[in-house]
Amino acid sequence: MTIAIKPTASSATIEHNDSTILTVDSSGNITPSNGLYQKAPAFSAYMSSGSQSVSSAVWTKVALNAEHFDTTSDYDNSTNYRFTPSVAGYYQVNFALRADATSKTRVHCALYKNGSVWHYGMGNRDGTSSPTYVSGNSLIYLNGSTDYIEMYGYSNGTSPTFAGTDQRFSTFEAHLVSV
């Protein structure tokens, strides 16, 4: 095995067994090659306006319909509200939910993988008044083709809603940390 750094007047390459694996241009931009990914999947979604009415005491998918960013267009913000990454690997996932109701409420949030609960958020919180916030995070392996993740919420208050309007209230995000 040989690894070599080969500088030129305008760039430099890093080679493994005489095959370029990385190029650094004169501006310092790095371009990987040989199967290394130039863009890692990452997204950040939120509920853009209003609130989502939900049935009391029923786990419900949170309709996060707007994005701060989606580097590889792997988050569906219009129909399924799910992330199906195009690269296999381990993903750091963060999720937060604001729930409102007209009575005392118990609020939960959860990360679902392929339609089943994968991880519950930090919460199970009884709110003595509205609003109530809960959140969670998880490190999860996704296969890069068929695995998907979604955020679900639960509130048992009277006339519960998941809060939107502000991009800080209910959020869902993930990014690749290792292949």
Foldseek 3Di string as FASTA:
>chain_A
DDWDWADDPFKIFIDDPNHTQWIQGNVRDIDGDDPDDPDWWKWKFAQADFWAWDDAFDKDFGQGQDTPDTRPPQADNPPPRKGQAQAWAKKKKKWKWKKAAPAWKFKWKAKDKPHHGDGTWPGSDTDRHDIDMTMHIDIDTHGNGPIMMTMIMHMRHHRMIIDGNDRPHTMIIMTHDGD
